[in-house]
Amino acid sequence: MIFDNPYILCSAIHIETGEEHVHSPRNIKTGFVVSGRRHHNCFATIMNLVPECREKYRRKDMIQGFITSDDRFLTREESLYVAIECGQVDPDNMICGTLTSEDLWQ
C-alpha cells in the first residue's frame, strides 16, 4: 500500500463547544477533537479528562470520525471515501455502510 493521497491515521471524536481551541485539525474552527486508536479509547479519554462532558454533552452529540494524514477531521461517512480511495479498506468486506476502526485495523 503506497499513499500518494491523504489516508486515515486514527479514530477521533469532535465535540462542538462553540469555542476556538489551538492545535485542532485544520478544518475544525470551534470545539475540540480527541483522537485515539479506536473510538472507545477516545470516549474513555473524554470522560476521564473532561468530566463536564458527562453533564454538558450527550454521547449522541459527539461526532465520531477519523483524523487524516493531512490533518483533517472527517466523519465516518467522509472517511470511508478516503479509506477506499487510498486502498486502506476493501468496500466489499466492510462491517457496515460506514467506516469503522475495525475495518481499518483488525
PDB file of N, CA and C in Angstrom:
ATOM      1  N   MET A   1       0.850  -1.169   0.000  1.00  0.00           N
ATOM      2  CA  MET A   1       0.000   0.000   0.000  1.00  0.00           C
ATOM      3  C   MET A   1       0.903   1.243   0.000  1.00  0.00           C
ATOM      4  N   ILE A   2       0.842   2.055  -1.035  1.00  0.00           N
ATOM      5  CA  ILE A   2       1.615   3.293  -1.132  1.00  0.00           C
ATOM      6  C   ILE A   2       0.641   4.453  -1.108  1.00  0.00           C
ATOM      7  N   PHE A   3       0.922   5.421  -0.243  1.00  0.00           N
ATOM      8  CA  PHE A   3      -0.002   6.527  -0.056  1.00  0.00           C
ATOM      9  C   PHE A   3       0.500   7.789  -0.739  1.00  0.00           C
ATOM     10  N   ASP A   4      -0.107   8.148  -1.856  1.00  0.00           N
ATOM     11  CA  ASP A   4       0.189   9.412  -2.507  1.00  0.00           C
ATOM     12  C   ASP A   4      -0.811  10.477  -2.066  1.00  0.00           C
ATOM     13  N   ASN A   5      -1.971  10.037  -1.641  1.00  0.00           N
ATOM     14  CA  ASN A   5      -3.042  10.931  -1.212  1.00  0.00           C
ATOM     15  C   ASN A   5      -3.235  10.799   0.297  1.00  0.00           C
ATOM     16  N   PRO A   6      -4.050  11.687   0.876  1.00  0.00           N
ATOM     17  CA  PRO A   6      -4.322  11.575   2.317  1.00  0.00           C
ATOM     18  C   PRO A   6      -4.891  10.197   2.665  1.00  0.00           C
ATOM     19  N   TYR A   7      -4.586   9.742   3.865  1.00  0.00           N
ATOM     20  CA  TYR A   7      -5.086   8.458   4.345  1.00  0.00           C
ATOM     21  C   TYR A   7      -5.532   8.622   5.793  1.00  0.00           C
ATOM     22  N   ILE A   8      -6.212   7.631   6.309  1.00  0.00           N
ATOM     23  CA  ILE A   8      -6.746   7.676   7.663  1.00  0.00           C
ATOM     24  C   ILE A   8      -5.644   7.299   8.651  1.00  0.00           C
ATOM     25  N   LEU A   9      -5.453   8.155   9.659  1.00  0.00           N
ATOM     26  CA  LEU A   9      -4.437   7.909  10.686  1.00  0.00           C
ATOM     27  C   LEU A   9      -5.002   7.236  11.927  1.00  0.00           C
ATOM     28  N   CYS A  10      -6.124   7.777  12.444  1.00  0.00           N
ATOM     29  CA  CYS A  10      -6.649   7.260  13.711  1.00  0.00           C
ATOM     30  C   CYS A  10      -8.109   7.660  13.895  1.00  0.00           C
ATOM     31  N   SER A  11      -8.739   7.023  14.855  1.00  0.00           N
ATOM     32  CA  SER A  11     -10.113   7.348  15.233  1.00  0.00           C
ATOM     33  C   SER A  11     -10.132   8.697  15.941  1.00  0.00           C
ATOM     34  N   ALA A  12     -11.270   9.382  15.884  1.00  0.00           N
ATOM     35  CA  ALA A  12     -11.378  10.683  16.550  1.00  0.00           C
ATOM     36  C   ALA A  12     -12.838  11.009  16.838  1.00  0.00           C
ATOM     37  N   ILE A  13     -13.027  11.908  17.801  1.00  0.00           N
ATOM     38  CA  ILE A  13     -14.356  12.401  18.141  1.00  0.00           C
ATOM     39  C   ILE A  13     -14.275  13.921  18.255  1.00  0.00           C
ATOM     40  N   HIS A  14     -15.183  14.593  17.570  1.00  0.00           N
ATOM     41  CA  HIS A  14     -15.263  16.062  17.615  1.00  0.00           C
ATOM     42  C   HIS A  14     -16.397  16.458  18.552  1.00  0.00           C
ATOM     43  N   ILE A  15     -16.055  17.290  19.534  1.00  0.00           N
ATOM     44  CA  ILE A  15     -17.060  17.818  20.455  1.00  0.00           C
ATOM     45  C   ILE A  15     -17.163  19.310  20.202  1.00  0.00           C
ATOM     46  N   GLU A  16     -18.316  19.739  19.758  1.00  0.00           N
ATOM     47  CA  GLU A  16     -18.532  21.153  19.441  1.00  0.00           C
ATOM     48  C   GLU A  16     -18.837  21.924  20.722  1.00  0.00           C
ATOM     49  N   THR A  17     -17.957  22.850  21.068  1.00  0.00           N
ATOM     50  CA  THR A  17     -18.139  23.672  22.262  1.00  0.00           C
ATOM     51  C   THR A  17     -18.482  25.115  21.913  1.00  0.00           C
ATOM     52  N   GLY A  18     -18.312  25.479  20.634  1.00  0.00           N
ATOM     53  CA  GLY A  18     -18.520  26.861  20.218  1.00  0.00           C
ATOM     54  C   GLY A  18     -17.314  27.737  20.495  1.00  0.00           C
ATOM     55  N   GLU A  19     -16.278  27.171  21.099  1.00  0.00           N
ATOM     56  CA  GLU A  19     -15.055  27.912  21.420  1.00  0.00           C
ATOM     57  C   GLU A  19     -13.917  27.443  20.524  1.00  0.00           C
ATOM     58  N   GLU A  20     -12.992  28.371  20.237  1.00  0.00           N
ATOM     59  CA  GLU A  20     -11.803  28.010  19.474  1.00  0.00           C
ATOM     60  C   GLU A  20     -10.781  27.364  20.390  1.00  0.00           C
ATOM     61  N   HIS A  21     -10.099  26.364  19.874  1.00  0.00           N
ATOM     62  CA  HIS A  21      -9.044  25.673  20.611  1.00  0.00           C
ATOM     63  C   HIS A  21      -7.820  25.573  19.702  1.00  0.00           C
ATOM     64  N   VAL A  22      -6.644  25.768  20.260  1.00  0.00           N
ATOM     65  CA  VAL A  22      -5.428  25.669  19.449  1.00  0.00           C
ATOM     66  C   VAL A  22      -5.129  24.212  19.138  1.00  0.00           C
ATOM     67  N   HIS A  23      -4.413  24.004  18.073  1.00  0.00           N
ATOM     68  CA  HIS A  23      -3.940  22.680  17.646  1.00  0.00           C
ATOM     69  C   HIS A  23      -5.061  21.727  17.253  1.00  0.00           C
ATOM     70  N   SER A  24      -6.151  22.256  16.789  1.00  0.00           N
ATOM     71  CA  SER A  24      -7.224  21.407  16.267  1.00  0.00           C
ATOM     72  C   SER A  24      -6.885  21.014  14.833  1.00  0.00           C
ATOM     73  N   PRO A  25      -7.527  19.969  14.318  1.00  0.00           N
ATOM     74  CA  PRO A  25      -7.359  19.668  12.891  1.00  0.00           C
ATOM     75  C   PRO A  25      -7.679  20.918  12.077  1.00  0.00           C
ATOM     76  N   ARG A  26      -7.034  21.062  10.945  1.00  0.00           N
ATOM     77  CA  ARG A  26      -7.101  22.322  10.197  1.00  0.00           C
ATOM     78  C   ARG A  26      -8.503  22.715   9.727  1.00  0.00           C
ATOM     79  N   ASN A  27      -9.422  21.777   9.631  1.00  0.00           N
ATOM     80  CA  ASN A  27     -10.775  22.118   9.185  1.00  0.00           C
ATOM     81  C   ASN A  27     -11.747  22.302  10.353  1.00  0.00           C
ATOM     82  N   ILE A  28     -11.282  22.238  11.583  1.00  0.00           N
ATOM     83  CA  ILE A  28     -12.134  22.422  12.758  1.00  0.00           C
ATOM     84  C   ILE A  28     -11.863  23.808  13.342  1.00  0.00           C
ATOM     85  N   LYS A  29     -12.857  24.657  13.276  1.00  0.00           N
ATOM     86  CA  LYS A  29     -12.694  26.038  13.759  1.00  0.00           C
ATOM     87  C   LYS A  29     -13.093  26.181  15.220  1.00  0.00           C
ATOM     88  N   THR A  30     -14.115  25.451  15.656  1.00  0.00           N
ATOM     89  CA  THR A  30     -14.546  25.518  17.048  1.00  0.00           C
ATOM     90  C   THR A  30     -14.774  24.109  17.582  1.00  0.00           C
ATOM     91  N   GLY A  31     -14.708  23.996  18.893  1.00  0.00           N
ATOM     92  CA  GLY A  31     -14.825  22.690  19.518  1.00  0.00           C
ATOM     93  C   GLY A  31     -13.446  22.052  19.602  1.00  0.00           C
ATOM     94  N   PHE A  32     -13.399  20.843  20.126  1.00  0.00           N
ATOM     95  CA  PHE A  32     -12.116  20.154  20.199  1.00  0.00           C
ATOM     96  C   PHE A  32     -12.266  18.720  19.728  1.00  0.00           C
ATOM     97  N   VAL A  33     -11.143  18.141  19.349  1.00  0.00           N
ATOM     98  CA  VAL A  33     -11.118  16.785  18.812  1.00  0.00           C
ATOM     99  C   VAL A  33     -10.195  15.938  19.680  1.00  0.00           C
ATOM    100  N   VAL A  34     -10.702  14.775  20.059  1.00  0.00           N
ATOM    101  CA  VAL A  34      -9.913  13.807  20.812  1.00  0.00           C
ATOM    102  C   VAL A  34      -9.673  12.623  19.891  1.00  0.00           C
ATOM    103  N   SER A  35      -8.426  12.208  19.779  1.00  0.00           N
ATOM    104  CA  SER A  35      -8.118  11.079  18.902  1.00  0.00           C
ATOM    105  C   SER A  35      -7.590   9.900  19.716  1.00  0.00           C
ATOM    106  N   GLY A  36      -7.659   8.720  19.109  1.00  0.00           N
ATOM    107  CA  GLY A  36      -7.208   7.504  19.765  1.00  0.00           C
ATOM    108  C   GLY A  36      -7.188   6.349  18.779  1.00  0.00           C
ATOM    109  N   ARG A  37      -6.724   5.224  19.238  1.00  0.00           N
ATOM    110  CA  ARG A  37      -6.632   4.047  18.372  1.00  0.00           C
ATOM    111  C   ARG A  37      -8.006   3.598  17.883  1.00  0.00           C
ATOM    112  N   ARG A  38      -8.953   3.546  18.802  1.00  0.00           N
ATOM    113  CA  ARG A  38     -10.344   3.185  18.484  1.00  0.00           C
ATOM    114  C   ARG A  38     -11.258   4.222  19.115  1.00  0.00           C
ATOM    115  N   HIS A  39     -12.502   4.260  18.687  1.00  0.00           N
ATOM    116  CA  HIS A  39     -13.429   5.262  19.223  1.00  0.00           C
ATOM    117  C   HIS A  39     -13.668   5.091  20.718  1.00  0.00           C
ATOM    118  N   HIS A  40     -13.690   3.859  21.203  1.00  0.00           N
ATOM    119  CA  HIS A  40     -13.903   3.682  22.650  1.00  0.00           C
ATOM    120  C   HIS A  40     -12.736   4.269  23.448  1.00  0.00           C
ATOM    121  N   ASN A  41     -11.525   4.291  22.868  1.00  0.00           N
ATOM    122  CA  ASN A  41     -10.398   4.943  23.533  1.00  0.00           C
ATOM    123  C   ASN A  41     -10.618   6.449  23.617  1.00  0.00           C
ATOM    124  N   CYS A  42     -11.178   7.021  22.566  1.00  0.00           N
ATOM    125  CA  CYS A  42     -11.492   8.462  22.563  1.00  0.00           C
ATOM    126  C   CYS A  42     -12.528   8.781  23.637  1.00  0.00           C
ATOM    127  N   PHE A  43     -13.588   7.980  23.705  1.00  0.00           N
ATOM    128  CA  PHE A  43     -14.624   8.208  24.716  1.00  0.00           C
ATOM    129  C   PHE A  43     -14.052   8.086  26.123  1.00  0.00           C
ATOM    130  N   ALA A  44     -13.182   7.117  26.349  1.00  0.00           N
ATOM    131  CA  ALA A  44     -12.584   6.955  27.668  1.00  0.00           C
ATOM    132  C   ALA A  44     -11.760   8.179  28.044  1.00  0.00           C
ATOM    133  N   THR A  45     -10.997   8.696  27.111  1.00  0.00           N
ATOM    134  CA  THR A  45     -10.200   9.897  27.365  1.00  0.00           C
ATOM    135  C   THR A  45     -11.098  11.085  27.669  1.00  0.00           C
ATOM    136  N   ILE A  46     -12.129  11.262  26.875  1.00  0.00           N
ATOM    137  CA  ILE A  46     -13.058  12.379  27.090  1.00  0.00           C
ATOM    138  C   ILE A  46     -13.678  12.295  28.474  1.00  0.00           C
ATOM    139  N   MET A  47     -14.182  11.151  28.847  1.00  0.00           N
ATOM    140  CA  MET A  47     -14.881  11.020  30.119  1.00  0.00           C
ATOM    141  C   MET A  47     -13.943  11.105  31.326  1.00  0.00           C
ATOM    142  N   ASN A  48     -12.696  10.691  31.146  1.00  0.00           N
ATOM    143  CA  ASN A  48     -11.739  10.756  32.246  1.00  0.00           C
ATOM    144  C   ASN A  48     -11.094  12.134  32.403  1.00  0.00           C
ATOM    145  N   LEU A  49     -10.801  12.795  31.297  1.00  0.00           N
ATOM    146  CA  LEU A  49     -10.085  14.059  31.364  1.00  0.00           C
ATOM    147  C   LEU A  49     -10.983  15.289  31.302  1.00  0.00           C
ATOM    148  N   VAL A  50     -12.178  15.127  30.775  1.00  0.00           N
ATOM    149  CA  VAL A  50     -13.097  16.261  30.651  1.00  0.00           C
ATOM    150  C   VAL A  50     -14.421  15.869  31.299  1.00  0.00           C
ATOM    151  N   PRO A  51     -14.445  15.765  32.641  1.00  0.00           N
ATOM    152  CA  PRO A  51     -15.630  15.244  33.328  1.00  0.00           C
ATOM    153  C   PRO A  51     -16.911  16.023  33.037  1.00  0.00           C
ATOM    154  N   GLU A  52     -16.795  17.325  32.758  1.00  0.00           N
ATOM    155  CA  GLU A  52     -18.015  18.084  32.482  1.00  0.00           C
ATOM    156  C   GLU A  52     -18.703  17.618  31.202  1.00  0.00           C
ATOM    157  N   CYS A  53     -18.003  16.859  30.365  1.00  0.00           N
ATOM    158  CA  CYS A  53     -18.644  16.305  29.164  1.00  0.00           C
ATOM    159  C   CYS A  53     -19.800  15.383  29.537  1.00  0.00           C
ATOM    160  N   ARG A  54     -19.695  14.737  30.680  1.00  0.00           N
ATOM    161  CA  ARG A  54     -20.786  13.866  31.135  1.00  0.00           C
ATOM    162  C   ARG A  54     -22.058  14.661  31.355  1.00  0.00           C
ATOM    163  N   GLU A  55     -21.898  15.904  31.799  1.00  0.00           N
ATOM    164  CA  GLU A  55     -23.043  16.758  32.106  1.00  0.00           C
ATOM    165  C   GLU A  55     -23.488  17.586  30.902  1.00  0.00           C
ATOM    166  N   LYS A  56     -22.531  18.174  30.180  1.00  0.00           N
ATOM    167  CA  LYS A  56     -22.847  19.129  29.127  1.00  0.00           C
ATOM    168  C   LYS A  56     -23.199  18.495  27.789  1.00  0.00           C
ATOM    169  N   TYR A  57     -22.525  17.391  27.444  1.00  0.00           N
ATOM    170  CA  TYR A  57     -22.671  16.823  26.109  1.00  0.00           C
ATOM    171  C   TYR A  57     -23.134  15.383  26.200  1.00  0.00           C
ATOM    172  N   ARG A  58     -24.127  15.072  25.402  1.00  0.00           N
ATOM    173  CA  ARG A  58     -24.583  13.693  25.331  1.00  0.00           C
ATOM    174  C   ARG A  58     -23.740  12.962  24.279  1.00  0.00           C
ATOM    175  N   ARG A  59     -23.543  11.690  24.492  1.00  0.00           N
ATOM    176  CA  ARG A  59     -22.713  10.904  23.581  1.00  0.00           C
ATOM    177  C   ARG A  59     -23.202  11.019  22.139  1.00  0.00           C
ATOM    178  N   LYS A  60     -24.520  11.079  21.958  1.00  0.00           N
ATOM    179  CA  LYS A  60     -25.038  11.160  20.586  1.00  0.00           C
ATOM    180  C   LYS A  60     -24.724  12.501  19.930  1.00  0.00           C
ATOM    181  N   ASP A  61     -24.338  13.503  20.718  1.00  0.00           N
ATOM    182  CA  ASP A  61     -23.988  14.811  20.171  1.00  0.00           C
ATOM    183  C   ASP A  61     -22.513  14.927  19.802  1.00  0.00           C
ATOM    184  N   MET A  62     -21.731  13.923  20.137  1.00  0.00           N
ATOM    185  CA  MET A  62     -20.314  13.911  19.806  1.00  0.00           C
ATOM    186  C   MET A  62     -20.166  13.255  18.436  1.00  0.00           C
ATOM    187  N   ILE A  63     -19.501  13.925  17.526  1.00  0.00           N
ATOM    188  CA  ILE A  63     -19.377  13.430  16.155  1.00  0.00           C
ATOM    189  C   ILE A  63     -18.194  12.473  16.066  1.00  0.00           C
ATOM    190  N   GLN A  64     -18.468  11.241  15.685  1.00  0.00           N
ATOM    191  CA  GLN A  64     -17.416  10.249  15.534  1.00  0.00           C
ATOM    192  C   GLN A  64     -16.850  10.305  14.122  1.00  0.00           C
ATOM    193  N   GLY A  65     -15.540  10.180  14.027  1.00  0.00           N
ATOM    194  CA  GLY A  65     -14.888  10.214  12.726  1.00  0.00           C
ATOM    195  C   GLY A  65     -13.449   9.773  12.833  1.00  0.00           C
ATOM    196  N   PHE A  66     -12.618  10.342  11.966  1.00  0.00           N
ATOM    197  CA  PHE A  66     -11.212   9.958  11.885  1.00  0.00           C
ATOM    198  C   PHE A  66     -10.361  11.180  11.558  1.00  0.00           C
ATOM    199  N   ILE A  67      -9.080  11.097  11.874  1.00  0.00           N
ATOM    200  CA  ILE A  67      -8.108  12.116  11.503  1.00  0.00           C
ATOM    201  C   ILE A  67      -7.350  11.595  10.285  1.00  0.00           C
ATOM    202  N   THR A  68      -7.135  12.477   9.308  1.00  0.00           N
ATOM    203  CA  THR A  68      -6.401  12.101   8.104  1.00  0.00           C
ATOM    204  C   THR A  68      -4.939  12.524   8.207  1.00  0.00           C
ATOM    205  N   SER A  69      -4.137  11.990   7.319  1.00  0.00           N
ATOM    206  CA  SER A  69      -2.711  12.304   7.294  1.00  0.00           C
ATOM    207  C   SER A  69      -2.444  13.763   6.929  1.00  0.00           C
ATOM    208  N   ASP A  70      -3.426  14.452   6.350  1.00  0.00           N
ATOM    209  CA  ASP A  70      -3.257  15.877   6.054  1.00  0.00           C
ATOM    210  C   ASP A  70      -3.975  16.761   7.079  1.00  0.00           C
ATOM    211  N   ASP A  71      -4.169  16.218   8.279  1.00  0.00           N
ATOM    212  CA  ASP A  71      -4.667  16.951   9.443  1.00  0.00           C
ATOM    213  C   ASP A  71      -6.085  17.498   9.280  1.00  0.00           C
ATOM    214  N   ARG A  72      -6.968  16.637   8.846  1.00  0.00           N
ATOM    215  CA  ARG A  72      -8.386  16.990   8.790  1.00  0.00           C
ATOM    216  C   ARG A  72      -9.175  16.007   9.634  1.00  0.00           C
ATOM    217  N   PHE A  73     -10.263  16.502  10.238  1.00  0.00           N
ATOM    218  CA  PHE A  73     -11.226  15.629  10.898  1.00  0.00           C
ATOM    219  C   PHE A  73     -12.322  15.354   9.894  1.00  0.00           C
ATOM    220  N   LEU A  74     -12.632  14.078   9.683  1.00  0.00           N
ATOM    221  CA  LEU A  74     -13.716  13.677   8.791  1.00  0.00           C
ATOM    222  C   LEU A  74     -14.676  12.779   9.538  1.00  0.00           C
ATOM    223  N   THR A  75     -15.962  12.887   9.216  1.00  0.00           N
ATOM    224  CA  THR A  75     -16.949  11.990   9.805  1.00  0.00           C
ATOM    225  C   THR A  75     -16.681  10.568   9.326  1.00  0.00           C
ATOM    226  N   ARG A  76     -17.367   9.622   9.929  1.00  0.00           N
ATOM    227  CA  ARG A  76     -17.215   8.224   9.495  1.00  0.00           C
ATOM    228  C   ARG A  76     -17.550   8.085   8.008  1.00  0.00           C
ATOM    229  N   GLU A  77     -18.600   8.761   7.580  1.00  0.00           N
ATOM    230  CA  GLU A  77     -19.036   8.656   6.190  1.00  0.00           C
ATOM    231  C   GLU A  77     -18.006   9.277   5.246  1.00  0.00           C
ATOM    232  N   GLU A  78     -17.500  10.446   5.583  1.00  0.00           N
ATOM    233  CA  GLU A  78     -16.488  11.105   4.754  1.00  0.00           C
ATOM    234  C   GLU A  78     -15.200  10.288   4.721  1.00  0.00           C
ATOM    235  N   SER A  79     -14.843   9.722   5.847  1.00  0.00           N
ATOM    236  CA  SER A  79     -13.613   8.936   5.956  1.00  0.00           C
ATOM    237  C   SER A  79     -13.647   7.684   5.097  1.00  0.00           C
ATOM    238  N   LEU A  80     -14.831   7.143   4.910  1.00  0.00           N
ATOM    239  CA  LEU A  80     -14.969   5.943   4.090  1.00  0.00           C
ATOM    240  C   LEU A  80     -14.420   6.177   2.686  1.00  0.00           C
ATOM    241  N   TYR A  81     -14.735   7.322   2.092  1.00  0.00           N
ATOM    242  CA  TYR A  81     -14.265   7.617   0.735  1.00  0.00           C
ATOM    243  C   TYR A  81     -12.742   7.723   0.680  1.00  0.00           C
ATOM    244  N   VAL A  82     -12.144   8.340   1.691  1.00  0.00           N
ATOM    245  CA  VAL A  82     -10.687   8.456   1.751  1.00  0.00           C
ATOM    246  C   VAL A  82     -10.056   7.074   1.876  1.00  0.00           C
ATOM    247  N   ALA A  83     -10.591   6.249   2.775  1.00  0.00           N
ATOM    248  CA  ALA A  83     -10.032   4.912   3.013  1.00  0.00           C
ATOM    249  C   ALA A  83     -10.143   4.024   1.779  1.00  0.00           C
ATOM    250  N   ILE A  84     -11.236   4.125   1.052  1.00  0.00           N
ATOM    251  CA  ILE A  84     -11.399   3.340  -0.181  1.00  0.00           C
ATOM    252  C   ILE A  84     -10.445   3.857  -1.249  1.00  0.00           C
ATOM    253  N   GLU A  85     -10.382   5.168  -1.413  1.00  0.00           N
ATOM    254  CA  GLU A  85      -9.560   5.794  -2.453  1.00  0.00           C
ATOM    255  C   GLU A  85      -8.082   5.418  -2.322  1.00  0.00           C
ATOM    256  N   CYS A  86      -7.581   5.347  -1.105  1.00  0.00           N
ATOM    257  CA  CYS A  86      -6.153   5.051  -0.929  1.00  0.00           C
ATOM    258  C   CYS A  86      -5.896   3.565  -0.674  1.00  0.00           C
ATOM    259  N   GLY A  87      -6.931   2.742  -0.700  1.00  0.00           N
ATOM    260  CA  GLY A  87      -6.755   1.301  -0.572  1.00  0.00           C
ATOM    261  C   GLY A  87      -6.613   0.793   0.850  1.00  0.00           C
ATOM    262  N   GLN A  88      -7.050   1.571   1.822  1.00  0.00           N
ATOM    263  CA  GLN A  88      -6.972   1.103   3.211  1.00  0.00           C
ATOM    264  C   GLN A  88      -8.039   0.079   3.547  1.00  0.00           C
ATOM    265  N   VAL A  89      -9.149   0.093   2.828  1.00  0.00           N
ATOM    266  CA  VAL A  89     -10.222  -0.865   3.068  1.00  0.00           C
ATOM    267  C   VAL A  89     -10.734  -1.426   1.753  1.00  0.00           C
ATOM    268  N   ASP A  90     -11.304  -2.606   1.841  1.00  0.00           N
ATOM    269  CA  ASP A  90     -11.979  -3.229   0.710  1.00  0.00           C
ATOM    270  C   ASP A  90     -13.478  -3.011   0.921  1.00  0.00           C
ATOM    271  N   PRO A  91     -14.131  -2.232   0.070  1.00  0.00           N
ATOM    272  CA  PRO A  91     -15.549  -1.940   0.285  1.00  0.00           C
ATOM    273  C   PRO A  91     -16.451  -3.168   0.304  1.00  0.00           C
ATOM    274  N   ASP A  92     -16.005  -4.271  -0.253  1.00  0.00           N
ATOM    275  CA  ASP A  92     -16.802  -5.495  -0.257  1.00  0.00           C
ATOM    276  C   ASP A  92     -16.687  -6.287   1.040  1.00  0.00           C
ATOM    277  N   ASN A  93     -15.745  -5.922   1.893  1.00  0.00           N
ATOM    278  CA  ASN A  93     -15.522  -6.669   3.137  1.00  0.00           C
ATOM    279  C   ASN A  93     -15.651  -5.780   4.365  1.00  0.00           C
ATOM    280  N   MET A  94     -16.578  -4.855   4.334  1.00  0.00           N
ATOM    281  CA  MET A  94     -16.738  -3.935   5.456  1.00  0.00           C
ATOM    282  C   MET A  94     -17.832  -4.418   6.399  1.00  0.00           C
ATOM    283  N   ILE A  95     -17.734  -3.963   7.643  1.00  0.00           N
ATOM    284  CA  ILE A  95     -18.678  -4.368   8.679  1.00  0.00           C
ATOM    285  C   ILE A  95     -20.064  -3.778   8.431  1.00  0.00           C
ATOM    286  N   CYS A  96     -20.119  -2.507   8.051  1.00  0.00           N
ATOM    287  CA  CYS A  96     -21.409  -1.851   7.798  1.00  0.00           C
ATOM    288  C   CYS A  96     -21.227  -0.792   6.716  1.00  0.00           C
ATOM    289  N   GLY A  97     -22.195   0.050   6.505  1.00  0.00           N
ATOM    290  CA  GLY A  97     -22.163   1.032   5.430  1.00  0.00           C
ATOM    291  C   GLY A  97     -21.348   2.275   5.717  1.00  0.00           C
ATOM    292  N   THR A  98     -20.709   2.322   6.861  1.00  0.00           N
ATOM    293  CA  THR A  98     -19.862   3.453   7.215  1.00  0.00           C
ATOM    294  C   THR A  98     -18.528   2.906   7.715  1.00  0.00           C
ATOM    295  N   LEU A  99     -17.521   3.741   7.818  1.00  0.00           N
ATOM    296  CA  LEU A  99     -16.201   3.273   8.209  1.00  0.00           C
ATOM    297  C   LEU A  99     -16.101   3.050   9.711  1.00  0.00           C
ATOM    298  N   THR A 100     -15.543   1.917  10.095  1.00  0.00           N
ATOM    299  CA  THR A 100     -15.260   1.631  11.495  1.00  0.00           C
ATOM    300  C   THR A 100     -13.755   1.386  11.630  1.00  0.00           C
ATOM    301  N   SER A 101     -13.244   1.556  12.820  1.00  0.00           N
ATOM    302  CA  SER A 101     -11.810   1.294  13.019  1.00  0.00           C
ATOM    303  C   SER A 101     -11.497  -0.172  12.795  1.00  0.00           C
ATOM    304  N   GLU A 102     -12.455  -1.041  13.042  1.00  0.00           N
ATOM    305  CA  GLU A 102     -12.250  -2.464  12.798  1.00  0.00           C
ATOM    306  C   GLU A 102     -12.074  -2.760  11.306  1.00  0.00           C
ATOM    307  N   ASP A 103     -12.669  -1.938  10.442  1.00  0.00           N
ATOM    308  CA  ASP A 103     -12.453  -2.092   9.000  1.00  0.00           C
ATOM    309  C   ASP A 103     -11.005  -1.777   8.640  1.00  0.00           C
ATOM    310  N   LEU A 104     -10.424  -0.830   9.355  1.00  0.00           N
ATOM    311  CA  LEU A 104      -9.054  -0.393   9.060  1.00  0.00           C
ATOM    312  C   LEU A 104      -8.007  -1.247   9.727  1.00  0.00           C
ATOM    313  N   TRP A 105      -8.216  -1.543  11.007  1.00  0.00           N
ATOM    314  CA  TRP A 105      -7.214  -2.214  11.820  1.00  0.00           C
ATOM    315  C   TRP A 105      -7.844  -3.406  12.508  1.00  0.00           C
ATOM    316  N   GLN A 106      -7.629  -4.565  11.981  1.00  0.00           N
ATOM    317  CA  GLN A 106      -8.230  -5.794  12.524  1.00  0.00           C
ATOM    318  C   GLN A 106      -7.737  -6.128  13.872  1.00  0.00           C
TER     319      GLN A 106
END
